[in-house]
């Protein structure tokens, strides 16, 4: 079901969105396997959508918040 998960890294306004490293992508994607996130993933799949996991970073590149949402294909 991991093909139903999209991972993005967002930086502050003015900075270009970056592609997550392979290890960060794997770590965030594995969150979809957790008991807490499974209902959201199942709901998104049932609606024909994907689960979007976005990591927002500070200007210095430190992680601030992880946001989960459903996103159309």
PDB file of N, CA and C in Angstrom:
ATOM      1  N   UNK A   1       0.807  -1.194   0.000  1.00  0.00           N
ATOM      2  CA  UNK A   1       0.000   0.000   0.000  1.00  0.00           C
ATOM      3  C   UNK A   1       0.856   1.266   0.000  1.00  0.00           C
ATOM      4  N   UNK A   2       2.165   1.107   0.041  1.00  0.00           N
ATOM      5  CA  UNK A   2       3.052   2.265   0.107  1.00  0.00           C
ATOM      6  C   UNK A   2       3.013   3.118  -1.162  1.00  0.00           C
ATOM      7  N   UNK A   3       2.497   2.550  -2.277  1.00  0.00           N
ATOM      8  CA  UNK A   3       2.348   3.355  -3.486  1.00  0.00           C
ATOM      9  C   UNK A   3       1.230   4.374  -3.304  1.00  0.00           C
ATOM     10  N   UNK A   4       0.502   4.265  -2.217  1.00  0.00           N
ATOM     11  CA  UNK A   4      -0.598   5.183  -1.898  1.00  0.00           C
ATOM     12  C   UNK A   4      -0.146   6.276  -0.929  1.00  0.00           C
ATOM     13  N   UNK A   5       1.180   6.441  -0.769  1.00  0.00           N
ATOM     14  CA  UNK A   5       1.729   7.443   0.152  1.00  0.00           C
ATOM     15  C   UNK A   5       2.702   8.341  -0.602  1.00  0.00           C
ATOM     16  N   UNK A   6       2.546   9.657  -0.419  1.00  0.00           N
ATOM     17  CA  UNK A   6       3.454  10.641  -1.011  1.00  0.00           C
ATOM     18  C   UNK A   6       4.143  11.370   0.135  1.00  0.00           C
ATOM     19  N   UNK A   7       5.460  11.531   0.042  1.00  0.00           N
ATOM     20  CA  UNK A   7       6.218  12.257   1.059  1.00  0.00           C
ATOM     21  C   UNK A   7       6.805  13.514   0.436  1.00  0.00           C
ATOM     22  N   UNK A   8       6.637  14.648   1.130  1.00  0.00           N
ATOM     23  CA  UNK A   8       7.204  15.921   0.669  1.00  0.00           C
ATOM     24  C   UNK A   8       7.911  16.613   1.823  1.00  0.00           C
ATOM     25  N   UNK A   9       8.928  17.374   1.478  1.00  0.00           N
ATOM     26  CA  UNK A   9       9.605  18.217   2.457  1.00  0.00           C
ATOM     27  C   UNK A   9       9.366  19.658   2.035  1.00  0.00           C
ATOM     28  N   UNK A  10       8.825  20.448   2.939  1.00  0.00           N
ATOM     29  CA  UNK A  10       8.528  21.852   2.637  1.00  0.00           C
ATOM     30  C   UNK A  10       9.416  22.750   3.480  1.00  0.00           C
ATOM     31  N   UNK A  11       9.973  23.736   2.813  1.00  0.00           N
ATOM     32  CA  UNK A  11      10.805  24.728   3.492  1.00  0.00           C
ATOM     33  C   UNK A  11      10.063  26.052   3.535  1.00  0.00           C
ATOM     34  N   UNK A  12      10.529  26.999   4.340  1.00  0.00           N
ATOM     35  CA  UNK A  12       9.849  28.288   4.445  1.00  0.00           C
ATOM     36  C   UNK A  12       9.690  28.982   3.097  1.00  0.00           C
ATOM     37  N   UNK A  13       8.739  29.874   3.031  1.00  0.00           N
ATOM     38  CA  UNK A  13       8.452  30.636   1.817  1.00  0.00           C
ATOM     39  C   UNK A  13       9.733  31.186   1.201  1.00  0.00           C
ATOM     40  N   UNK A  14       9.815  31.080  -0.103  1.00  0.00           N
ATOM     41  CA  UNK A  14      10.992  31.581  -0.805  1.00  0.00           C
ATOM     42  C   UNK A  14      12.026  30.509  -1.084  1.00  0.00           C
ATOM     43  N   UNK A  15      11.994  29.427  -0.311  1.00  0.00           N
ATOM     44  CA  UNK A  15      12.911  28.318  -0.540  1.00  0.00           C
ATOM     45  C   UNK A  15      12.218  27.268  -1.386  1.00  0.00           C
ATOM     46  N   UNK A  16      12.968  26.607  -2.205  1.00  0.00           N
ATOM     47  CA  UNK A  16      12.431  25.578  -3.095  1.00  0.00           C
ATOM     48  C   UNK A  16      12.103  24.322  -2.294  1.00  0.00           C
ATOM     49  N   UNK A  17      11.006  23.671  -2.662  1.00  0.00           N
ATOM     50  CA  UNK A  17      10.650  22.398  -2.035  1.00  0.00           C
ATOM     51  C   UNK A  17      11.750  21.402  -2.372  1.00  0.00           C
ATOM     52  N   UNK A  18      12.179  20.641  -1.390  1.00  0.00           N
ATOM     53  CA  UNK A  18      13.250  19.689  -1.647  1.00  0.00           C
ATOM     54  C   UNK A  18      12.718  18.261  -1.637  1.00  0.00           C
ATOM     55  N   UNK A  19      13.436  17.393  -2.293  1.00  0.00           N
ATOM     56  CA  UNK A  19      13.097  15.975  -2.338  1.00  0.00           C
ATOM     57  C   UNK A  19      13.710  15.336  -1.091  1.00  0.00           C
ATOM     58  N   UNK A  20      12.930  14.545  -0.347  1.00  0.00           N
ATOM     59  CA  UNK A  20      13.486  13.929   0.850  1.00  0.00           C
ATOM     60  C   UNK A  20      14.548  12.887   0.508  1.00  0.00           C
ATOM     61  N   UNK A  21      15.504  12.730   1.406  1.00  0.00           N
ATOM     62  CA  UNK A  21      16.513  11.688   1.216  1.00  0.00           C
ATOM     63  C   UNK A  21      15.816  10.333   1.273  1.00  0.00           C
ATOM     64  N   UNK A  22      16.480   9.321   0.778  1.00  0.00           N
ATOM     65  CA  UNK A  22      15.887   7.979   0.767  1.00  0.00           C
ATOM     66  C   UNK A  22      15.560   7.513   2.179  1.00  0.00           C
ATOM     67  N   UNK A  23      16.461   7.784   3.130  1.00  0.00           N
ATOM     68  CA  UNK A  23      16.214   7.334   4.505  1.00  0.00           C
ATOM     69  C   UNK A  23      15.054   8.094   5.145  1.00  0.00           C
ATOM     70  N   UNK A  24      14.939   9.404   4.879  1.00  0.00           N
ATOM     71  CA  UNK A  24      13.812  10.176   5.408  1.00  0.00           C
ATOM     72  C   UNK A  24      12.515   9.726   4.760  1.00  0.00           C
ATOM     73  N   UNK A  25      12.554   9.486   3.460  1.00  0.00           N
ATOM     74  CA  UNK A  25      11.369   9.001   2.747  1.00  0.00           C
ATOM     75  C   UNK A  25      10.902   7.675   3.342  1.00  0.00           C
ATOM     76  N   UNK A  26      11.817   6.760   3.590  1.00  0.00           N
ATOM     77  CA  UNK A  26      11.464   5.457   4.179  1.00  0.00           C
ATOM     78  C   UNK A  26      10.891   5.630   5.588  1.00  0.00           C
ATOM     79  N   UNK A  27      11.505   6.504   6.378  1.00  0.00           N
ATOM     80  CA  UNK A  27      11.039   6.720   7.747  1.00  0.00           C
ATOM     81  C   UNK A  27       9.625   7.289   7.769  1.00  0.00           C
ATOM     82  N   UNK A  28       9.374   8.297   6.947  1.00  0.00           N
ATOM     83  CA  UNK A  28       8.049   8.913   6.935  1.00  0.00           C
ATOM     84  C   UNK A  28       7.009   7.988   6.313  1.00  0.00           C
ATOM     85  N   UNK A  29       7.397   7.255   5.284  1.00  0.00           N
ATOM     86  CA  UNK A  29       6.479   6.306   4.660  1.00  0.00           C
ATOM     87  C   UNK A  29       6.094   5.209   5.646  1.00  0.00           C
ATOM     88  N   UNK A  30       7.028   4.803   6.489  1.00  0.00           N
ATOM     89  CA  UNK A  30       6.734   3.737   7.458  1.00  0.00           C
ATOM     90  C   UNK A  30       5.696   4.189   8.489  1.00  0.00           C
ATOM     91  N   UNK A  31       5.496   5.489   8.644  1.00  0.00           N
ATOM     92  CA  UNK A  31       4.447   5.976   9.544  1.00  0.00           C
ATOM     93  C   UNK A  31       3.067   5.494   9.099  1.00  0.00           C
ATOM     94  N   UNK A  32       2.909   5.261   7.809  1.00  0.00           N
ATOM     95  CA  UNK A  32       1.624   4.792   7.285  1.00  0.00           C
ATOM     96  C   UNK A  32       1.292   3.392   7.797  1.00  0.00           C
ATOM     97  N   UNK A  33       2.276   2.663   8.293  1.00  0.00           N
ATOM     98  CA  UNK A  33       2.049   1.324   8.837  1.00  0.00           C
ATOM     99  C   UNK A  33       1.616   1.350  10.296  1.00  0.00           C
ATOM    100  N   UNK A  34       1.657   2.520  10.919  1.00  0.00           N
ATOM    101  CA  UNK A  34       1.340   2.597  12.342  1.00  0.00           C
ATOM    102  C   UNK A  34      -0.161   2.528  12.589  1.00  0.00           C
ATOM    103  N   UNK A  35      -0.498   2.070  13.763  1.00  0.00           N
ATOM    104  CA  UNK A  35      -1.894   1.940  14.181  1.00  0.00           C
ATOM    105  C   UNK A  35      -2.622   3.287  14.119  1.00  0.00           C
ATOM    106  N   UNK A  36      -1.910   4.353  14.433  1.00  0.00           N
ATOM    107  CA  UNK A  36      -2.522   5.687  14.471  1.00  0.00           C
ATOM    108  C   UNK A  36      -2.841   6.237  13.089  1.00  0.00           C
ATOM    109  N   UNK A  37      -2.041   5.890  12.092  1.00  0.00           N
ATOM    110  CA  UNK A  37      -2.194   6.468  10.754  1.00  0.00           C
ATOM    111  C   UNK A  37      -2.985   5.545   9.818  1.00  0.00           C
ATOM    112  N   UNK A  38      -3.081   4.269  10.133  1.00  0.00           N
ATOM    113  CA  UNK A  38      -3.795   3.315   9.277  1.00  0.00           C
ATOM    114  C   UNK A  38      -5.221   3.752   8.932  1.00  0.00           C
ATOM    115  N   UNK A  39      -6.006   4.271   9.884  1.00  0.00           N
ATOM    116  CA  UNK A  39      -7.364   4.695   9.521  1.00  0.00           C
ATOM    117  C   UNK A  39      -7.380   5.791   8.446  1.00  0.00           C
ATOM    118  N   UNK A  40      -6.457   6.725   8.530  1.00  0.00           N
ATOM    119  CA  UNK A  40      -6.388   7.794   7.530  1.00  0.00           C
ATOM    120  C   UNK A  40      -5.981   7.235   6.169  1.00  0.00           C
ATOM    121  N   UNK A  41      -5.033   6.304   6.150  1.00  0.00           N
ATOM    122  CA  UNK A  41      -4.603   5.685   4.900  1.00  0.00           C
ATOM    123  C   UNK A  41      -5.748   4.889   4.271  1.00  0.00           C
ATOM    124  N   UNK A  42      -6.481   4.145   5.076  1.00  0.00           N
ATOM    125  CA  UNK A  42      -7.619   3.366   4.568  1.00  0.00           C
ATOM    126  C   UNK A  42      -8.719   4.287   4.047  1.00  0.00           C
ATOM    127  N   UNK A  43      -8.970   5.369   4.761  1.00  0.00           N
ATOM    128  CA  UNK A  43      -9.971   6.343   4.328  1.00  0.00           C
ATOM    129  C   UNK A  43      -9.583   6.966   2.993  1.00  0.00           C
ATOM    130  N   UNK A  44      -8.321   7.366   2.863  1.00  0.00           N
ATOM    131  CA  UNK A  44      -7.840   7.951   1.606  1.00  0.00           C
ATOM    132  C   UNK A  44      -7.962   6.948   0.465  1.00  0.00           C
ATOM    133  N   UNK A  45      -7.546   5.720   0.703  1.00  0.00           N
ATOM    134  CA  UNK A  45      -7.625   4.678  -0.328  1.00  0.00           C
ATOM    135  C   UNK A  45      -9.067   4.430  -0.743  1.00  0.00           C
ATOM    136  N   UNK A  46      -9.966   4.400   0.231  1.00  0.00           N
ATOM    137  CA  UNK A  46     -11.377   4.192  -0.053  1.00  0.00           C
ATOM    138  C   UNK A  46     -11.988   5.297  -0.898  1.00  0.00           C
ATOM    139  N   UNK A  47     -11.412   6.490  -0.817  1.00  0.00           N
ATOM    140  CA  UNK A  47     -11.885   7.635  -1.595  1.00  0.00           C
ATOM    141  C   UNK A  47     -11.127   7.785  -2.917  1.00  0.00           C
ATOM    142  N   UNK A  48     -10.222   6.838  -3.200  1.00  0.00           N
ATOM    143  CA  UNK A  48      -9.429   6.910  -4.424  1.00  0.00           C
ATOM    144  C   UNK A  48      -8.336   7.965  -4.360  1.00  0.00           C
ATOM    145  N   UNK A  49      -7.908   8.291  -3.150  1.00  0.00           N
ATOM    146  CA  UNK A  49      -6.874   9.309  -2.949  1.00  0.00           C
ATOM    147  C   UNK A  49      -5.626   8.667  -2.357  1.00  0.00           C
ATOM    148  N   UNK A  50      -4.576   9.460  -2.234  1.00  0.00           N
ATOM    149  CA  UNK A  50      -3.345   9.003  -1.598  1.00  0.00           C
ATOM    150  C   UNK A  50      -3.163   9.748  -0.284  1.00  0.00           C
ATOM    151  N   UNK A  51      -2.353   9.189   0.588  1.00  0.00           N
ATOM    152  CA  UNK A  51      -2.008   9.837   1.839  1.00  0.00           C
ATOM    153  C   UNK A  51      -0.782  10.701   1.588  1.00  0.00           C
ATOM    154  N   UNK A  52      -0.885  11.969   1.881  1.00  0.00           N
ATOM    155  CA  UNK A  52       0.230  12.894   1.720  1.00  0.00           C
ATOM    156  C   UNK A  52       0.828  13.168   3.089  1.00  0.00           C
ATOM    157  N   UNK A  53       2.137  12.943   3.211  1.00  0.00           N
ATOM    158  CA  UNK A  53       2.854  13.231   4.454  1.00  0.00           C
ATOM    159  C   UNK A  53       3.847  14.340   4.141  1.00  0.00           C
ATOM    160  N   UNK A  54       3.646  15.497   4.771  1.00  0.00           N
ATOM    161  CA  UNK A  54       4.516  16.642   4.522  1.00  0.00           C
ATOM    162  C   UNK A  54       5.295  16.989   5.781  1.00  0.00           C
ATOM    163  N   UNK A  55       6.603  17.131   5.628  1.00  0.00           N
ATOM    164  CA  UNK A  55       7.480  17.541   6.712  1.00  0.00           C
ATOM    165  C   UNK A  55       7.824  19.003   6.474  1.00  0.00           C
ATOM    166  N   UNK A  56       7.406  19.860   7.379  1.00  0.00           N
ATOM    167  CA  UNK A  56       7.725  21.284   7.269  1.00  0.00           C
ATOM    168  C   UNK A  56       8.993  21.559   8.063  1.00  0.00           C
ATOM    169  N   UNK A  57       9.923  22.299   7.446  1.00  0.00           N
ATOM    170  CA  UNK A  57      11.210  22.590   8.068  1.00  0.00           C
ATOM    171  C   UNK A  57      11.353  24.068   8.376  1.00  0.00           C
ATOM    172  N   UNK A  58      12.218  24.364   9.342  1.00  0.00           N
ATOM    173  CA  UNK A  58      12.569  25.744   9.649  1.00  0.00           C
ATOM    174  C   UNK A  58      13.565  26.239   8.604  1.00  0.00           C
ATOM    175  N   UNK A  59      13.875  27.511   8.638  1.00  0.00           N
ATOM    176  CA  UNK A  59      14.864  28.064   7.699  1.00  0.00           C
ATOM    177  C   UNK A  59      16.221  27.369   7.828  1.00  0.00           C
ATOM    178  N   UNK A  60      16.525  26.903   9.025  1.00  0.00           N
ATOM    179  CA  UNK A  60      17.806  26.220   9.236  1.00  0.00           C
ATOM    180  C   UNK A  60      17.763  24.752   8.830  1.00  0.00           C
ATOM    181  N   UNK A  61      16.580  24.268   8.399  1.00  0.00           N
ATOM    182  CA  UNK A  61      16.456  22.891   7.936  1.00  0.00           C
ATOM    183  C   UNK A  61      15.999  21.906   8.985  1.00  0.00           C
ATOM    184  N   UNK A  62      15.685  22.400  10.182  1.00  0.00           N
ATOM    185  CA  UNK A  62      15.215  21.503  11.242  1.00  0.00           C
ATOM    186  C   UNK A  62      13.727  21.199  11.068  1.00  0.00           C
ATOM    187  N   UNK A  63      13.326  19.964  11.342  1.00  0.00           N
ATOM    188  CA  UNK A  63      11.910  19.609  11.212  1.00  0.00           C
ATOM    189  C   UNK A  63      11.069  20.343  12.259  1.00  0.00           C
ATOM    190  N   UNK A  64       9.934  20.874  11.813  1.00  0.00           N
ATOM    191  CA  UNK A  64       9.039  21.587  12.721  1.00  0.00           C
ATOM    192  C   UNK A  64       7.749  20.815  12.967  1.00  0.00           C
ATOM    193  N   UNK A  65       7.156  20.326  11.880  1.00  0.00           N
ATOM    194  CA  UNK A  65       5.852  19.686  11.993  1.00  0.00           C
ATOM    195  C   UNK A  65       5.679  18.678  10.859  1.00  0.00           C
ATOM    196  N   UNK A  66       4.940  17.622  11.136  1.00  0.00           N
ATOM    197  CA  UNK A  66       4.591  16.639  10.119  1.00  0.00           C
ATOM    198  C   UNK A  66       3.078  16.752   9.930  1.00  0.00           C
ATOM    199  N   UNK A  67       2.648  16.915   8.696  1.00  0.00           N
ATOM    200  CA  UNK A  67       1.230  17.096   8.380  1.00  0.00           C
ATOM    201  C   UNK A  67       0.755  15.953   7.500  1.00  0.00           C
ATOM    202  N   UNK A  68      -0.385  15.367   7.860  1.00  0.00           N
ATOM    203  CA  UNK A  68      -0.983  14.275   7.099  1.00  0.00           C
ATOM    204  C   UNK A  68      -2.257  14.783   6.452  1.00  0.00           C
ATOM    205  N   UNK A  69      -2.455  14.435   5.178  1.00  0.00           N
ATOM    206  CA  UNK A  69      -3.695  14.804   4.500  1.00  0.00           C
ATOM    207  C   UNK A  69      -3.988  13.814   3.377  1.00  0.00           C
ATOM    208  N   UNK A  70      -5.217  13.847   2.895  1.00  0.00           N
ATOM    209  CA  UNK A  70      -5.609  13.032   1.743  1.00  0.00           C
ATOM    210  C   UNK A  70      -5.492  13.922   0.518  1.00  0.00           C
ATOM    211  N   UNK A  71      -5.011  13.350  -0.567  1.00  0.00           N
ATOM    212  CA  UNK A  71      -4.762  14.137  -1.785  1.00  0.00           C
ATOM    213  C   UNK A  71      -5.236  13.350  -3.000  1.00  0.00           C
ATOM    214  N   UNK A  72      -5.931  14.042  -3.892  1.00  0.00           N
ATOM    215  CA  UNK A  72      -6.375  13.411  -5.127  1.00  0.00           C
ATOM    216  C   UNK A  72      -5.209  13.051  -6.027  1.00  0.00           C
ATOM    217  N   UNK A  73      -5.420  12.062  -6.855  1.00  0.00           N
ATOM    218  CA  UNK A  73      -4.357  11.603  -7.762  1.00  0.00           C
ATOM    219  C   UNK A  73      -4.134  12.545  -8.876  1.00  0.00           C
TER     220      UNK A  73
END
